[in-house]
Amino acid sequence: MNLTGRTPQGAAPVLELEDVTLELGGRAILRNTSLQVNQGEFIGVLGPNGAGKTTLMRAVLGLVPAASGTIRVLGQPVMRGNPSIGYMPQTRSALAGRRVRGRDFVAMAADGHRWGLPHADAKTRADVERVLDLVGGRALAARPLSELSGGERQRLLLAQCLLGNPQLLLLDEPLISLDPHHQKSVVELVRNVQQELGIAVLFSAHELNPLLHALDRVLYLGSGVAALGTVDEVITGPVLSRLYGSPIDVMRVKGRIFVMSGDVEVEKHDHEHEDDAHGHDHGGASGHGHSHGHSQGHHHASRDGHTNDV
């Protein structure tokens, strides 16, 4: 099954999967999947625990080889350390106790996250100040991470991802452990930065509702299959029942969407911790897993690349 989303004239898709199969521990995470993400799109990535959200991101980073098919970023085959990609991994619990200042923490990403305070050159220092401004992080620059809230630390992690002007951001569960207020502020921040820079974002989450007002399209993974389209196209009982492999009901109440299996809200139940059934070894990606390059593009590529199954 194939996706043919529309791409702005003259612009290459930021991300393409062509008949891709991804396997983990002998299990097919994705089977024969084709899709594309266009410039300026905000894509929410959802699916039950173990569906493959993290594995997909690691494959785009070149850390997990595809069993078959081709993955391309800006028309080129995936590779480790791609400067066009910014990446925020899911495992971030060690940040809370660190005494390093916010500005130095951001600068560490430009230096491959080597331990110790970075010795940045003038160009890197200027880039650090640029991304701090982008995320509204100037007030956090001189404060240690240990004194920051979860939402404030997320601002600095996003700043790290933006060093070097990437064209694609991969954000793996950035809302974990945040209260609803901070979840909303993080989503709004990512959306504002994404629109200002005209870049593409894959934003994985365990629940749809915090993303509803930011999404262009949603990519839902499950049972080795992917569905990519608008919320109204994908978040339906028939589509999600196929992805979960069991009957699913979708309820819409006062602007919120609830995905239910019987009387259980499956998004809350299934996504307490997403690890794709493996430990998070982000090795090979310098701890934070991203390098950086150039990004420009034009905001809001196709909102209407229609598909229900890919």
Protein backbone atom coordinates (compact mmCIF):
# COMPACT_ATOMS: atom_id res chain seq x y z
CA MET A 1 0.00 0.00 0.00
CA ASN A 2 1.37 3.35 -0.98
CA LEU A 3 1.13 6.97 0.04
CA THR A 4 1.30 9.79 -2.43
CA GLY A 5 1.18 12.98 -0.40
CA ARG A 6 1.59 16.15 -2.41
CA THR A 7 4.88 18.01 -2.19
CA PRO A 8 5.28 21.75 -2.90
CA GLN A 9 6.38 22.32 -6.47
CA GLY A 10 10.16 22.10 -6.76
CA ALA A 11 10.64 20.87 -3.18
CA ALA A 12 11.90 17.38 -2.38
CA PRO A 13 10.08 15.54 0.41
CA VAL A 14 11.95 15.87 3.67
CA LEU A 15 11.44 12.16 4.47
CA GLU A 16 10.50 9.24 2.23
CA LEU A 17 9.96 5.57 3.05
CA GLU A 18 9.66 3.29 0.03
CA ASP A 19 8.43 -0.27 0.70
CA VAL A 20 10.25 -0.25 4.05
CA THR A 21 10.20 -3.18 6.44
CA LEU A 22 11.69 -2.69 9.90
CA GLU A 23 12.36 -5.63 12.20
CA LEU A 24 13.27 -5.80 15.87
CA GLY A 25 14.09 -9.04 17.65
CA GLY A 26 12.71 -11.05 14.74
CA ARG A 27 9.40 -9.17 14.83
CA ALA A 28 8.22 -6.94 11.98
CA ILE A 29 7.69 -3.44 13.37
CA LEU A 30 6.70 -2.08 9.95
CA ARG A 31 5.93 -4.09 6.82
CA ASN A 32 6.24 -2.80 3.25
CA THR A 33 5.50 0.78 4.28
CA SER A 34 5.69 3.73 1.91
CA LEU A 35 5.13 7.31 3.01
CA GLN A 36 6.49 10.80 2.71
CA VAL A 37 6.72 13.84 4.95
CA ASN A 38 6.83 17.23 3.27
CA GLN A 39 8.50 20.51 4.13
CA GLY A 40 6.72 22.47 6.83
CA GLU A 41 4.62 19.58 8.15
CA PHE A 42 3.97 18.81 11.81
CA ILE A 43 3.32 15.06 12.05
CA GLY A 44 2.15 13.45 15.27
CA VAL A 45 3.43 9.87 15.62
CA LEU A 46 1.20 7.65 17.74
CA GLY A 47 0.55 3.97 18.33
CA PRO A 48 0.35 1.36 21.08
CA ASN A 49 3.34 0.44 23.20
CA GLY A 50 5.88 -1.44 21.09
CA ALA A 51 4.33 -0.29 17.80
CA GLY A 52 7.64 1.09 16.58
CA LYS A 53 7.67 4.86 17.11
CA THR A 54 11.20 4.92 18.50
CA THR A 55 12.43 2.26 16.07
CA LEU A 56 11.16 4.33 13.14
CA MET A 57 13.02 7.40 14.37
CA ARG A 58 16.18 5.37 14.91
CA ALA A 59 15.88 4.01 11.37
CA VAL A 60 15.60 7.56 9.99
CA LEU A 61 18.77 8.38 11.95
CA GLY A 62 20.57 5.45 10.34
CA LEU A 63 20.88 3.60 13.65
CA VAL A 64 18.52 0.73 12.71
CA PRO A 65 18.95 -0.73 9.22
CA ALA A 66 15.81 -1.41 7.21
CA ALA A 67 15.26 -5.13 6.56
CA SER A 68 14.08 -4.10 3.11
CA GLY A 69 13.14 -0.98 1.20
CA THR A 70 14.67 2.48 1.17
CA ILE A 71 14.56 5.45 3.55
CA ARG A 72 15.61 8.84 2.19
CA VAL A 73 16.09 12.20 3.88
CA LEU A 74 16.02 15.14 1.47
CA GLY A 75 16.36 12.68 -1.39
CA GLN A 76 19.47 10.97 0.01
CA PRO A 77 19.74 7.53 1.67
CA VAL A 78 19.81 7.66 5.45
CA MET A 79 23.15 7.90 7.20
CA ARG A 80 24.37 8.27 10.75
CA GLY A 81 25.09 11.81 11.85
CA ASN A 82 22.95 13.40 9.15
CA PRO A 83 23.31 17.18 9.63
CA SER A 84 19.78 17.72 8.29
CA ILE A 85 18.19 16.00 11.31
CA GLY A 86 17.73 17.20 14.88
CA TYR A 87 16.83 14.50 17.41
CA MET A 88 15.49 14.48 20.95
CA PRO A 89 15.66 10.96 22.46
CA GLN A 90 13.11 9.71 24.92
CA THR A 91 15.42 8.89 27.82
CA ARG A 92 16.16 12.16 29.61
CA SER A 93 15.83 11.36 33.32
CA ALA A 94 19.50 12.07 34.09
CA LEU A 95 19.08 15.77 33.30
CA ALA A 96 17.18 16.73 36.43
CA GLY A 97 20.11 16.61 38.86
CA ARG A 98 22.77 18.20 36.68
CA ARG A 99 24.37 21.45 37.77
CA VAL A 100 25.54 22.48 34.30
CA ARG A 101 24.21 25.84 33.15
CA GLY A 102 21.58 25.98 30.44
CA ARG A 103 23.83 27.71 27.92
CA ASP A 104 26.64 25.18 28.43
CA PHE A 105 24.17 22.31 28.18
CA VAL A 106 22.94 23.54 24.80
CA ALA A 107 26.53 24.05 23.60
CA MET A 108 27.41 20.46 24.51
CA ALA A 109 25.27 19.26 21.60
CA ALA A 110 27.50 21.14 19.17
CA ASP A 111 30.50 19.30 20.63
CA GLY A 112 29.14 15.79 20.32
CA HIS A 113 27.98 15.80 23.95
CA ARG A 114 31.42 15.09 25.31
CA TRP A 115 31.59 15.34 29.05
CA GLY A 116 32.95 18.51 30.56
CA LEU A 117 32.14 22.10 29.70
CA PRO A 118 32.36 22.88 25.99
CA HIS A 119 35.04 25.13 24.55
CA ALA A 120 32.94 26.59 21.77
CA ASP A 121 34.33 28.77 19.00
CA ALA A 122 32.69 32.06 18.06
CA LYS A 123 30.49 30.50 15.37
CA THR A 124 29.17 27.86 17.78
CA ARG A 125 28.58 30.44 20.49
CA ALA A 126 26.57 32.55 18.05
CA ASP A 127 24.52 29.50 17.05
CA VAL A 128 23.84 28.70 20.71
CA GLU A 129 22.55 32.23 21.28
CA ARG A 130 20.41 31.96 18.13
CA VAL A 131 18.67 28.76 19.25
CA LEU A 132 18.21 30.07 22.79
CA ASP A 133 16.36 33.02 21.30
CA LEU A 134 14.28 30.71 19.10
CA VAL A 135 12.98 28.76 22.09
CA GLY A 136 12.66 31.73 24.43
CA GLY A 137 15.46 30.33 26.56
CA ARG A 138 17.59 33.40 27.34
CA ALA A 139 16.33 33.54 30.91
CA LEU A 140 17.35 29.89 31.38
CA ALA A 141 20.86 30.22 29.97
CA ALA A 142 22.63 31.01 33.24
CA ARG A 143 20.59 28.68 35.46
CA PRO A 144 21.62 25.07 36.22
CA LEU A 145 19.43 22.29 34.90
CA SER A 146 18.76 21.10 38.45
CA GLU A 147 16.82 24.30 39.14
CA LEU A 148 14.63 24.12 36.02
CA SER A 149 11.18 22.63 35.63
CA GLY A 150 10.55 19.80 33.22
CA GLY A 151 9.05 22.22 30.70
CA GLU A 152 12.04 24.55 30.97
CA ARG A 153 14.46 21.67 30.40
CA GLN A 154 12.45 20.73 27.31
CA ARG A 155 13.07 24.21 25.93
CA LEU A 156 16.82 23.64 26.20
CA LEU A 157 16.57 20.17 24.67
CA LEU A 158 14.67 21.67 21.75
CA ALA A 159 17.36 24.34 21.44
CA GLN A 160 19.96 21.57 21.15
CA CYS A 161 17.96 19.98 18.32
CA LEU A 162 17.94 23.28 16.41
CA LEU A 163 21.70 23.85 16.35
CA GLY A 164 22.93 24.06 12.78
CA ASN A 165 19.48 24.59 11.20
CA PRO A 166 18.18 21.04 10.65
CA GLN A 167 15.30 20.53 8.23
CA LEU A 168 13.74 17.61 10.09
CA LEU A 169 13.17 17.29 13.84
CA LEU A 170 12.56 13.88 15.43
CA LEU A 171 11.11 14.37 18.91
CA ASP A 172 10.63 11.11 20.81
CA GLU A 173 7.95 11.48 23.51
CA PRO A 174 8.89 15.02 24.61
CA LEU A 175 5.73 15.24 26.76
CA ILE A 176 6.59 12.34 29.07
CA SER A 177 6.32 13.30 32.77
CA LEU A 178 5.03 16.81 32.04
CA ASP A 179 1.80 18.12 33.53
CA PRO A 180 -0.95 19.28 31.14
CA HIS A 181 0.10 22.93 31.38
CA HIS A 182 3.70 22.18 30.43
CA GLN A 183 2.57 19.74 27.75
CA LYS A 184 0.56 22.51 26.12
CA SER A 185 3.44 24.98 26.30
CA VAL A 186 5.92 22.49 24.79
CA VAL A 187 3.58 21.66 21.90
CA GLU A 188 2.96 25.36 21.23
CA LEU A 189 6.68 26.09 21.36
CA VAL A 190 7.54 23.31 18.90
CA ARG A 191 4.75 24.39 16.58
CA ASN A 192 5.83 28.05 16.67
CA VAL A 193 9.48 27.20 15.98
CA GLN A 194 8.47 24.75 13.24
CA GLN A 195 6.34 27.39 11.53
CA GLU A 196 8.97 30.11 11.87
CA LEU A 197 11.68 27.93 10.33
CA GLY A 198 9.48 26.08 7.83
CA ILE A 199 10.87 22.71 8.90
CA ALA A 200 9.26 19.28 9.29
CA VAL A 201 8.61 17.68 12.67
CA LEU A 202 7.88 14.10 13.69
CA PHE A 203 6.55 14.38 17.25
CA SER A 204 5.79 11.08 18.97
CA ALA A 205 3.37 11.05 21.85
CA HIS A 206 1.37 8.62 23.96
CA GLU A 207 -1.82 10.66 23.61
CA LEU A 208 -3.36 12.55 20.72
CA ASN A 209 -5.17 15.35 22.56
CA PRO A 210 -2.19 17.56 23.50
CA LEU A 211 -1.23 17.68 19.80
CA LEU A 212 -4.66 18.23 18.27
CA HIS A 213 -4.33 21.96 17.61
CA ALA A 214 -0.80 21.69 16.20
CA LEU A 215 -1.04 18.71 13.87
CA ASP A 216 -1.03 18.82 10.11
CA ARG A 217 -1.25 15.03 9.87
CA VAL A 218 -0.98 12.03 12.15
CA LEU A 219 1.06 8.85 11.60
CA TYR A 220 -0.43 5.98 13.58
CA LEU A 221 1.56 2.75 13.89
CA GLY A 222 0.33 -0.68 14.93
CA SER A 223 0.43 -4.37 13.99
CA GLY A 224 3.20 -3.72 11.47
CA VAL A 225 1.03 -1.26 9.55
CA ALA A 226 1.04 2.54 9.36
CA ALA A 227 -1.82 4.94 8.67
CA LEU A 228 -0.94 8.50 7.66
CA GLY A 229 -3.44 11.26 7.07
CA THR A 230 -5.47 13.96 8.75
CA VAL A 231 -6.90 13.31 12.20
CA ASP A 232 -10.35 12.79 10.68
CA GLU A 233 -8.97 10.27 8.18
CA VAL A 234 -6.88 8.21 10.60
CA ILE A 235 -8.49 8.47 14.05
CA THR A 236 -11.53 6.37 13.23
CA GLY A 237 -12.82 3.11 14.63
CA PRO A 238 -12.18 1.04 11.49
CA VAL A 239 -8.62 2.32 10.91
CA LEU A 240 -7.52 2.00 14.55
CA SER A 241 -9.20 -1.40 14.96
CA ARG A 242 -7.04 -2.62 12.08
CA LEU A 243 -3.90 -1.16 13.69
CA TYR A 244 -4.63 -2.49 17.18
CA GLY A 245 -5.91 -5.83 15.93
CA SER A 246 -8.99 -5.54 18.15
CA PRO A 247 -12.22 -3.51 18.19
CA ILE A 248 -11.59 0.17 18.89
CA ASP A 249 -14.12 2.95 19.39
CA VAL A 250 -13.31 6.62 18.89
CA MET A 251 -15.24 9.13 20.97
CA ARG A 252 -15.24 12.89 20.49
CA VAL A 253 -16.25 14.89 23.56
CA LYS A 254 -15.95 18.69 23.89
CA GLY A 255 -13.10 18.98 21.41
CA ARG A 256 -11.17 16.01 22.78
CA ILE A 257 -10.74 12.57 21.23
CA PHE A 258 -10.75 9.36 23.23
CA VAL A 259 -9.53 6.05 21.79
CA MET A 260 -11.35 3.28 23.63
CA SER A 261 -11.20 -0.51 23.81
CA GLY A 262 -14.33 -1.41 25.68
CA ASP A 263 -14.27 0.88 28.72
CA VAL A 264 -10.47 1.34 28.70
CA GLU A 265 -8.86 4.42 27.17
CA VAL A 266 -6.13 2.63 25.27
CA GLU A 267 -3.85 5.61 24.68
CA LYS A 268 -3.47 6.18 28.43
CA HIS A 269 -3.36 2.44 29.16
CA ASP A 270 -0.88 1.42 26.48
CA HIS A 271 1.62 4.24 26.55
CA GLU A 272 2.80 4.54 30.12
CA HIS A 273 6.32 4.05 28.76
CA GLU A 274 7.16 3.57 25.10
CA ASP A 275 10.28 1.59 24.45
CA ASP A 276 9.43 -0.44 21.37
CA ALA A 277 10.16 -3.48 23.52
CA HIS A 278 13.87 -2.73 23.77
CA GLY A 279 16.19 -0.68 25.92
CA HIS A 280 17.06 2.73 24.58
CA ASP A 281 20.58 2.48 23.32
CA HIS A 282 21.09 5.69 21.45
CA GLY A 283 24.67 4.83 20.80
CA GLY A 284 26.16 5.93 17.55
CA ALA A 285 24.31 9.19 17.80
CA SER A 286 26.62 10.94 20.25
CA GLY A 287 24.29 10.64 23.19
CA HIS A 288 21.75 13.13 21.91
CA GLY A 289 21.87 11.62 18.48
CA HIS A 290 21.83 14.58 16.21
CA SER A 291 24.04 16.57 13.94
CA HIS A 292 22.96 19.64 12.15
CA GLY A 293 22.82 21.29 8.79
CA HIS A 294 20.79 23.77 6.81
CA SER A 295 17.10 24.32 6.86
CA GLN A 296 14.86 26.59 5.03
CA GLY A 297 11.77 25.82 3.30
CA HIS A 298 8.42 27.02 3.16
CA HIS A 299 5.91 26.76 5.78
CA HIS A 300 2.99 24.54 5.46
CA ALA A 301 3.52 22.01 2.84
CA SER A 302 0.59 19.80 2.01
CA ARG A 303 -1.97 19.46 4.72
CA ASP A 304 -4.05 17.38 2.38
CA GLY A 305 -1.82 14.53 1.23
CA HIS A 306 -4.68 12.07 1.56
CA THR A 307 -4.19 8.52 2.67
CA ASN A 308 -5.65 6.11 5.14
CA ASP A 309 -3.19 3.26 4.91
CA VAL A 310 0.45 3.16 3.94
